[in-house]
PDB file of N, CA and C in Angstrom:
ATOM      1  N   UNK A   1     -45.653 -38.105  41.331  1.00  0.00           N
ATOM      2  CA  UNK A   1     -45.161 -37.608  40.236  1.00  0.00           C
ATOM      3  C   UNK A   1     -43.090 -36.974  40.726  1.00  0.00           C
ATOM      4  N   UNK A   2     -42.441 -37.117  40.739  1.00  0.00           N
ATOM      5  CA  UNK A   2     -40.994 -36.768  41.127  1.00  0.00           C
ATOM      6  C   UNK A   2     -40.617 -35.215  40.583  1.00  0.00           C
ATOM      7  N   UNK A   3     -40.386 -34.512  40.866  1.00  0.00           N
ATOM      8  CA  UNK A   3     -40.183 -33.653  40.713  1.00  0.00           C
ATOM      9  C   UNK A   3     -38.272 -33.196  40.548  1.00  0.00           C
ATOM     10  N   UNK A   4     -37.781 -32.005  39.756  1.00  0.00           N
ATOM     11  CA  UNK A   4     -36.278 -31.687  39.726  1.00  0.00           C
ATOM     12  C   UNK A   4     -36.678 -30.065  39.532  1.00  0.00           C
ATOM     13  N   UNK A   5     -35.790 -29.095  40.270  1.00  0.00           N
ATOM     14  CA  UNK A   5     -35.494 -27.870  40.193  1.00  0.00           C
ATOM     15  C   UNK A   5     -34.858 -27.373  38.816  1.00  0.00           C
ATOM     16  N   UNK A   6     -35.718 -26.355  38.561  1.00  0.00           N
ATOM     17  CA  UNK A   6     -35.255 -25.973  37.227  1.00  0.00           C
ATOM     18  C   UNK A   6     -34.943 -24.004  37.339  1.00  0.00           C
ATOM     19  N   UNK A   7     -33.538 -23.732  37.330  1.00  0.00           N
ATOM     20  CA  UNK A   7     -32.680 -22.292  37.262  1.00  0.00           C
ATOM     21  C   UNK A   7     -32.832 -21.821  36.155  1.00  0.00           C
ATOM     22  N   UNK A   8     -33.499 -20.758  36.223  1.00  0.00           N
ATOM     23  CA  UNK A   8     -33.728 -19.487  34.570  1.00  0.00           C
ATOM     24  C   UNK A   8     -33.315 -18.185  35.454  1.00  0.00           C
ATOM     25  N   UNK A   9     -32.871 -17.663  34.506  1.00  0.00           N
ATOM     26  CA  UNK A   9     -32.437 -16.447  34.655  1.00  0.00           C
ATOM     27  C   UNK A   9     -33.353 -15.577  34.028  1.00  0.00           C
ATOM     28  N   UNK A  10     -34.161 -14.828  34.674  1.00  0.00           N
ATOM     29  CA  UNK A  10     -35.291 -13.580  33.781  1.00  0.00           C
ATOM     30  C   UNK A  10     -34.791 -12.466  34.142  1.00  0.00           C
ATOM     31  N   UNK A  11     -35.605 -10.736  33.485  1.00  0.00           N
ATOM     32  CA  UNK A  11     -35.359  -9.855  33.693  1.00  0.00           C
ATOM     33  C   UNK A  11     -36.588  -9.368  34.888  1.00  0.00           C
ATOM     34  N   UNK A  12     -35.381  -8.777  35.583  1.00  0.00           N
ATOM     35  CA  UNK A  12     -36.520  -7.825  36.724  1.00  0.00           C
ATOM     36  C   UNK A  12     -37.782  -7.947  36.310  1.00  0.00           C
ATOM     37  N   UNK A  13     -38.385  -7.301  35.319  1.00  0.00           N
ATOM     38  CA  UNK A  13     -39.448  -6.679  34.906  1.00  0.00           C
ATOM     39  C   UNK A  13     -40.238  -8.357  34.985  1.00  0.00           C
ATOM     40  N   UNK A  14     -40.162  -8.872  34.325  1.00  0.00           N
ATOM     41  CA  UNK A  14     -40.731 -10.212  34.181  1.00  0.00           C
ATOM     42  C   UNK A  14     -41.241 -10.914  35.396  1.00  0.00           C
ATOM     43  N   UNK A  15     -40.016 -10.714  35.964  1.00  0.00           N
ATOM     44  CA  UNK A  15     -40.281 -11.295  37.426  1.00  0.00           C
ATOM     45  C   UNK A  15     -41.365 -10.927  38.382  1.00  0.00           C
ATOM     46  N   UNK A  16     -41.420  -9.292  38.104  1.00  0.00           N
ATOM     47  CA  UNK A  16     -42.260  -8.466  38.727  1.00  0.00           C
ATOM     48  C   UNK A  16     -43.928  -8.869  38.089  1.00  0.00           C
ATOM     49  N   UNK A  17     -43.880  -9.279  36.873  1.00  0.00           N
ATOM     50  CA  UNK A  17     -45.435  -9.313  35.936  1.00  0.00           C
ATOM     51  C   UNK A  17     -45.535 -10.772  36.484  1.00  0.00           C
ATOM     52  N   UNK A  18     -44.535 -11.737  36.680  1.00  0.00           N
ATOM     53  CA  UNK A  18     -45.366 -13.206  36.753  1.00  0.00           C
ATOM     54  C   UNK A  18     -45.415 -12.780  38.100  1.00  0.00           C
ATOM     55  N   UNK A  19     -45.091 -12.201  39.551  1.00  0.00           N
ATOM     56  CA  UNK A  19     -45.702 -11.860  40.405  1.00  0.00           C
ATOM     57  C   UNK A  19     -46.990 -11.604  40.785  1.00  0.00           C
ATOM     58  N   UNK A  20     -46.859  -9.970  39.753  1.00  0.00           N
ATOM     59  CA  UNK A  20     -48.491  -9.291  40.022  1.00  0.00           C
ATOM     60  C   UNK A  20     -49.556 -10.450  39.302  1.00  0.00           C
ATOM     61  N   UNK A  21     -49.504 -11.243  38.625  1.00  0.00           N
ATOM     62  CA  UNK A  21     -50.084 -12.315  37.873  1.00  0.00           C
ATOM     63  C   UNK A  21     -50.397 -13.829  38.685  1.00  0.00           C
ATOM     64  N   UNK A  22     -49.268 -14.114  39.222  1.00  0.00           N
ATOM     65  CA  UNK A  22     -49.807 -15.546  39.582  1.00  0.00           C
ATOM     66  C   UNK A  22     -50.399 -15.430  40.986  1.00  0.00           C
ATOM     67  N   UNK A  23     -51.452 -16.331  40.863  1.00  0.00           N
ATOM     68  CA  UNK A  23     -52.335 -16.896  41.846  1.00  0.00           C
ATOM     69  C   UNK A  23     -51.953 -17.315  42.819  1.00  0.00           C
ATOM     70  N   UNK A  24     -50.749 -17.910  42.454  1.00  0.00           N
ATOM     71  CA  UNK A  24     -50.356 -19.197  44.033  1.00  0.00           C
ATOM     72  C   UNK A  24     -49.646 -18.469  43.876  1.00  0.00           C
ATOM     73  N   UNK A  25     -48.590 -18.904  43.664  1.00  0.00           N
ATOM     74  CA  UNK A  25     -47.104 -18.588  43.697  1.00  0.00           C
ATOM     75  C   UNK A  25     -46.614 -18.694  42.718  1.00  0.00           C
ATOM     76  N   UNK A  26     -44.805 -18.002  42.300  1.00  0.00           N
ATOM     77  CA  UNK A  26     -44.621 -18.127  40.994  1.00  0.00           C
ATOM     78  C   UNK A  26     -44.434 -18.768  40.372  1.00  0.00           C
ATOM     79  N   UNK A  27     -43.852 -20.139  41.073  1.00  0.00           N
ATOM     80  CA  UNK A  27     -43.432 -21.750  40.802  1.00  0.00           C
ATOM     81  C   UNK A  27     -44.122 -21.902  40.053  1.00  0.00           C
ATOM     82  N   UNK A  28     -45.662 -21.837  40.913  1.00  0.00           N
ATOM     83  CA  UNK A  28     -46.446 -22.510  40.138  1.00  0.00           C
ATOM     84  C   UNK A  28     -46.814 -21.253  38.951  1.00  0.00           C
ATOM     85  N   UNK A  29     -46.970 -20.540  38.634  1.00  0.00           N
ATOM     86  CA  UNK A  29     -47.543 -19.874  37.685  1.00  0.00           C
ATOM     87  C   UNK A  29     -46.984 -20.101  36.364  1.00  0.00           C
ATOM     88  N   UNK A  30     -45.066 -20.214  36.319  1.00  0.00           N
ATOM     89  CA  UNK A  30     -44.076 -20.292  35.496  1.00  0.00           C
ATOM     90  C   UNK A  30     -44.608 -21.887  35.648  1.00  0.00           C
ATOM     91  N   UNK A  31     -44.467 -22.978  36.084  1.00  0.00           N
ATOM     92  CA  UNK A  31     -45.044 -24.417  35.808  1.00  0.00           C
ATOM     93  C   UNK A  31     -46.179 -24.857  34.951  1.00  0.00           C
ATOM     94  N   UNK A  32     -47.368 -24.008  35.346  1.00  0.00           N
ATOM     95  CA  UNK A  32     -48.258 -24.162  34.241  1.00  0.00           C
ATOM     96  C   UNK A  32     -48.019 -23.499  32.923  1.00  0.00           C
ATOM     97  N   UNK A  33     -47.583 -22.144  32.978  1.00  0.00           N
ATOM     98  CA  UNK A  33     -46.624 -22.022  31.779  1.00  0.00           C
ATOM     99  C   UNK A  33     -46.178 -22.672  31.050  1.00  0.00           C
ATOM    100  N   UNK A  34     -45.365 -22.945  31.365  1.00  0.00           N
ATOM    101  CA  UNK A  34     -44.358 -24.384  30.410  1.00  0.00           C
ATOM    102  C   UNK A  34     -45.034 -25.394  29.926  1.00  0.00           C
ATOM    103  N   UNK A  35     -46.225 -25.398  31.096  1.00  0.00           N
ATOM    104  CA  UNK A  35     -46.923 -26.655  30.185  1.00  0.00           C
ATOM    105  C   UNK A  35     -47.656 -26.691  29.016  1.00  0.00           C
ATOM    106  N   UNK A  36     -48.378 -25.310  29.547  1.00  0.00           N
ATOM    107  CA  UNK A  36     -49.312 -24.782  28.481  1.00  0.00           C
ATOM    108  C   UNK A  36     -48.251 -24.671  26.930  1.00  0.00           C
ATOM    109  N   UNK A  37     -47.512 -23.652  27.152  1.00  0.00           N
ATOM    110  CA  UNK A  37     -46.648 -23.792  26.569  1.00  0.00           C
ATOM    111  C   UNK A  37     -46.001 -25.523  25.640  1.00  0.00           C
ATOM    112  N   UNK A  38     -46.147 -26.514  26.276  1.00  0.00           N
ATOM    113  CA  UNK A  38     -45.437 -28.333  25.893  1.00  0.00           C
ATOM    114  C   UNK A  38     -46.450 -28.296  24.797  1.00  0.00           C
ATOM    115  N   UNK A  39     -48.102 -27.944  25.308  1.00  0.00           N
ATOM    116  CA  UNK A  39     -49.320 -28.686  24.599  1.00  0.00           C
ATOM    117  C   UNK A  39     -49.230 -27.931  23.423  1.00  0.00           C
ATOM    118  N   UNK A  40     -48.784 -26.612  23.634  1.00  0.00           N
ATOM    119  CA  UNK A  40     -49.505 -25.649  22.403  1.00  0.00           C
ATOM    120  C   UNK A  40     -48.087 -26.423  20.844  1.00  0.00           C
ATOM    121  N   UNK A  41     -46.971 -26.581  21.823  1.00  0.00           N
ATOM    122  CA  UNK A  41     -46.029 -27.214  20.580  1.00  0.00           C
ATOM    123  C   UNK A  41     -46.116 -28.801  20.219  1.00  0.00           C
ATOM    124  N   UNK A  42     -46.924 -29.778  21.200  1.00  0.00           N
ATOM    125  CA  UNK A  42     -47.100 -31.232  20.699  1.00  0.00           C
ATOM    126  C   UNK A  42     -48.246 -30.635  20.076  1.00  0.00           C
ATOM    127  N   UNK A  43     -49.238 -29.801  19.974  1.00  0.00           N
ATOM    128  CA  UNK A  43     -50.474 -29.834  18.977  1.00  0.00           C
ATOM    129  C   UNK A  43     -50.087 -29.365  17.769  1.00  0.00           C
ATOM    130  N   UNK A  44     -49.266 -28.020  17.406  1.00  0.00           N
ATOM    131  CA  UNK A  44     -48.546 -28.025  16.188  1.00  0.00           C
ATOM    132  C   UNK A  44     -48.009 -28.752  15.571  1.00  0.00           C
ATOM    133  N   UNK A  45     -47.174 -29.884  16.267  1.00  0.00           N
ATOM    134  CA  UNK A  45     -46.457 -31.063  15.298  1.00  0.00           C
ATOM    135  C   UNK A  45     -47.801 -31.668  15.215  1.00  0.00           C
ATOM    136  N   UNK A  46     -48.569 -32.708  15.905  1.00  0.00           N
ATOM    137  CA  UNK A  46     -49.992 -33.062  14.869  1.00  0.00           C
ATOM    138  C   UNK A  46     -50.462 -32.486  14.073  1.00  0.00           C
ATOM    139  N   UNK A  47     -50.770 -31.336  14.338  1.00  0.00           N
ATOM    140  CA  UNK A  47     -51.629 -30.217  12.806  1.00  0.00           C
ATOM    141  C   UNK A  47     -50.625 -30.527  11.899  1.00  0.00           C
ATOM    142  N   UNK A  48     -49.079 -30.199  11.804  1.00  0.00           N
ATOM    143  CA  UNK A  48     -48.867 -30.168  10.767  1.00  0.00           C
ATOM    144  C   UNK A  48     -48.524 -31.358  10.263  1.00  0.00           C
ATOM    145  N   UNK A  49     -48.564 -32.692  10.908  1.00  0.00           N
ATOM    146  CA  UNK A  49     -48.345 -34.451  10.424  1.00  0.00           C
ATOM    147  C   UNK A  49     -49.523 -34.397   9.853  1.00  0.00           C
ATOM    148  N   UNK A  50     -50.240 -33.593  10.394  1.00  0.00           N
ATOM    149  CA  UNK A  50     -51.878 -34.430  10.153  1.00  0.00           C
ATOM    150  C   UNK A  50     -52.360 -33.349   8.884  1.00  0.00           C
ATOM    151  N   UNK A  51     -51.433 -31.599   8.470  1.00  0.00           N
ATOM    152  CA  UNK A  51     -51.348 -31.389   7.014  1.00  0.00           C
ATOM    153  C   UNK A  51     -50.687 -31.699   5.954  1.00  0.00           C
ATOM    154  N   UNK A  52     -49.636 -32.289   6.689  1.00  0.00           N
ATOM    155  CA  UNK A  52     -48.581 -33.010   5.334  1.00  0.00           C
ATOM    156  C   UNK A  52     -49.496 -34.470   5.201  1.00  0.00           C
ATOM    157  N   UNK A  53     -50.358 -35.406   5.517  1.00  0.00           N
ATOM    158  CA  UNK A  53     -50.643 -36.038   5.544  1.00  0.00           C
ATOM    159  C   UNK A  53     -51.939 -35.715   4.691  1.00  0.00           C
ATOM    160  N   UNK A  54     -52.356 -35.035   4.147  1.00  0.00           N
ATOM    161  CA  UNK A  54     -54.166 -34.539   3.508  1.00  0.00           C
ATOM    162  C   UNK A  54     -53.566 -34.429   2.147  1.00  0.00           C
ATOM    163  N   UNK A  55     -51.652 -33.757   2.343  1.00  0.00           N
ATOM    164  CA  UNK A  55     -51.332 -33.460   1.135  1.00  0.00           C
ATOM    165  C   UNK A  55     -51.271 -34.795   0.132  1.00  0.00           C
ATOM    166  N   UNK A  56     -50.833 -35.502   1.067  1.00  0.00           N
ATOM    167  CA  UNK A  56     -50.183 -36.788   0.193  1.00  0.00           C
ATOM    168  C   UNK A  56     -51.725 -37.187  -0.099  1.00  0.00           C
ATOM    169  N   UNK A  57     -52.962 -37.532   0.675  1.00  0.00           N
ATOM    170  CA  UNK A  57     -54.295 -38.071   0.883  1.00  0.00           C
ATOM    171  C   UNK A  57     -55.527 -37.336   0.815  1.00  0.00           C
ATOM    172  N   UNK A  58     -55.376 -35.974  -0.248  1.00  0.00           N
ATOM    173  CA  UNK A  58     -56.432 -35.078   0.043  1.00  0.00           C
ATOM    174  C   UNK A  58     -57.663 -35.707  -0.110  1.00  0.00           C
ATOM    175  N   UNK A  59     -58.924 -35.216   1.017  1.00  0.00           N
ATOM    176  CA  UNK A  59     -60.166 -35.662   1.145  1.00  0.00           C
ATOM    177  C   UNK A  59     -60.656 -36.011  -0.074  1.00  0.00           C
ATOM    178  N   UNK A  60     -61.534 -36.673   0.011  1.00  0.00           N
ATOM    179  CA  UNK A  60     -62.662 -36.226  -1.388  1.00  0.00           C
ATOM    180  C   UNK A  60     -63.810 -35.195  -1.166  1.00  0.00           C
ATOM    181  N   UNK A  61     -64.016 -34.247  -2.383  1.00  0.00           N
ATOM    182  CA  UNK A  61     -64.659 -33.248  -1.806  1.00  0.00           C
ATOM    183  C   UNK A  61     -66.288 -33.526  -2.125  1.00  0.00           C
ATOM    184  N   UNK A  62     -66.854 -35.008  -2.206  1.00  0.00           N
ATOM    185  CA  UNK A  62     -67.834 -35.108  -1.945  1.00  0.00           C
ATOM    186  C   UNK A  62     -68.300 -35.363  -0.203  1.00  0.00           C
ATOM    187  N   UNK A  63     -67.515 -35.205   0.198  1.00  0.00           N
ATOM    188  CA  UNK A  63     -67.795 -35.851   1.446  1.00  0.00           C
ATOM    189  C   UNK A  63     -67.895 -34.403   2.443  1.00  0.00           C
ATOM    190  N   UNK A  64     -67.538 -32.999   1.574  1.00  0.00           N
ATOM    191  CA  UNK A  64     -67.197 -31.860   2.434  1.00  0.00           C
ATOM    192  C   UNK A  64     -69.294 -31.520   3.293  1.00  0.00           C
ATOM    193  N   UNK A  65     -69.547 -32.111   2.521  1.00  0.00           N
ATOM    194  CA  UNK A  65     -71.293 -32.028   3.201  1.00  0.00           C
ATOM    195  C   UNK A  65     -71.634 -32.564   4.017  1.00  0.00           C
ATOM    196  N   UNK A  66     -70.878 -33.796   4.031  1.00  0.00           N
ATOM    197  CA  UNK A  66     -71.468 -34.811   4.900  1.00  0.00           C
ATOM    198  C   UNK A  66     -70.880 -34.405   6.277  1.00  0.00           C
ATOM    199  N   UNK A  67     -69.405 -33.716   6.175  1.00  0.00           N
ATOM    200  CA  UNK A  67     -69.114 -33.478   7.061  1.00  0.00           C
ATOM    201  C   UNK A  67     -68.925 -31.898   7.719  1.00  0.00           C
ATOM    202  N   UNK A  68     -69.323 -31.345   6.809  1.00  0.00           N
ATOM    203  CA  UNK A  68     -69.996 -29.663   7.522  1.00  0.00           C
ATOM    204  C   UNK A  68     -71.610 -29.871   8.289  1.00  0.00           C
ATOM    205  N   UNK A  69     -72.102 -31.320   8.007  1.00  0.00           N
ATOM    206  CA  UNK A  69     -73.330 -31.211   7.955  1.00  0.00           C
ATOM    207  C   UNK A  69     -73.236 -32.003   9.537  1.00  0.00           C
ATOM    208  N   UNK A  70     -72.077 -32.962  10.185  1.00  0.00           N
ATOM    209  CA  UNK A  70     -71.650 -33.794  10.780  1.00  0.00           C
ATOM    210  C   UNK A  70     -71.230 -32.360  12.478  1.00  0.00           C
ATOM    211  N   UNK A  71     -70.690 -31.402  12.099  1.00  0.00           N
ATOM    212  CA  UNK A  71     -70.252 -30.100  12.640  1.00  0.00           C
ATOM    213  C   UNK A  71     -71.451 -29.067  12.767  1.00  0.00           C
ATOM    214  N   UNK A  72     -71.440 -29.301  12.376  1.00  0.00           N
ATOM    215  CA  UNK A  72     -73.025 -28.503  12.771  1.00  0.00           C
ATOM    216  C   UNK A  72     -73.545 -28.326  14.234  1.00  0.00           C
ATOM    217  N   UNK A  73     -73.687 -26.855  15.232  1.00  0.00           N
ATOM    218  CA  UNK A  73     -74.201 -27.165  16.233  1.00  0.00           C
ATOM    219  C   UNK A  73     -75.095 -27.110  16.220  1.00  0.00           C
ATOM    220  N   UNK A  74     -76.050 -26.825  15.248  1.00  0.00           N
ATOM    221  CA  UNK A  74     -77.641 -27.154  14.576  1.00  0.00           C
ATOM    222  C   UNK A  74     -78.319 -28.067  14.905  1.00  0.00           C
ATOM    223  N   UNK A  75     -79.208 -28.658  15.114  1.00  0.00           N
ATOM    224  CA  UNK A  75     -79.609 -30.103  14.575  1.00  0.00           C
ATOM    225  C   UNK A  75     -80.435 -30.814  13.400  1.00  0.00           C
ATOM    226  N   UNK A  76     -80.030 -31.171  13.410  1.00  0.00           N
ATOM    227  CA  UNK A  76     -80.222 -31.629  11.691  1.00  0.00           C
ATOM    228  C   UNK A  76     -82.091 -32.323  11.416  1.00  0.00           C
TER     229      UNK A  76
END
């Protein structure tokens, strides 16, 4: 995968915190943090889209029991 450089300015105290927490390097720590943020934002958008779809087409309450049993961790 091709890579590109990203220059950002951050406060010194944030840099110190990153350095203290980074298991490998500050770059890898920041890269992983950005990836996690991107995934959270994608998930938030998917969830919002799903909620809108449910509002337009609500599920039938008769199906609730079936779904609860399917989601149960206990054997049926």
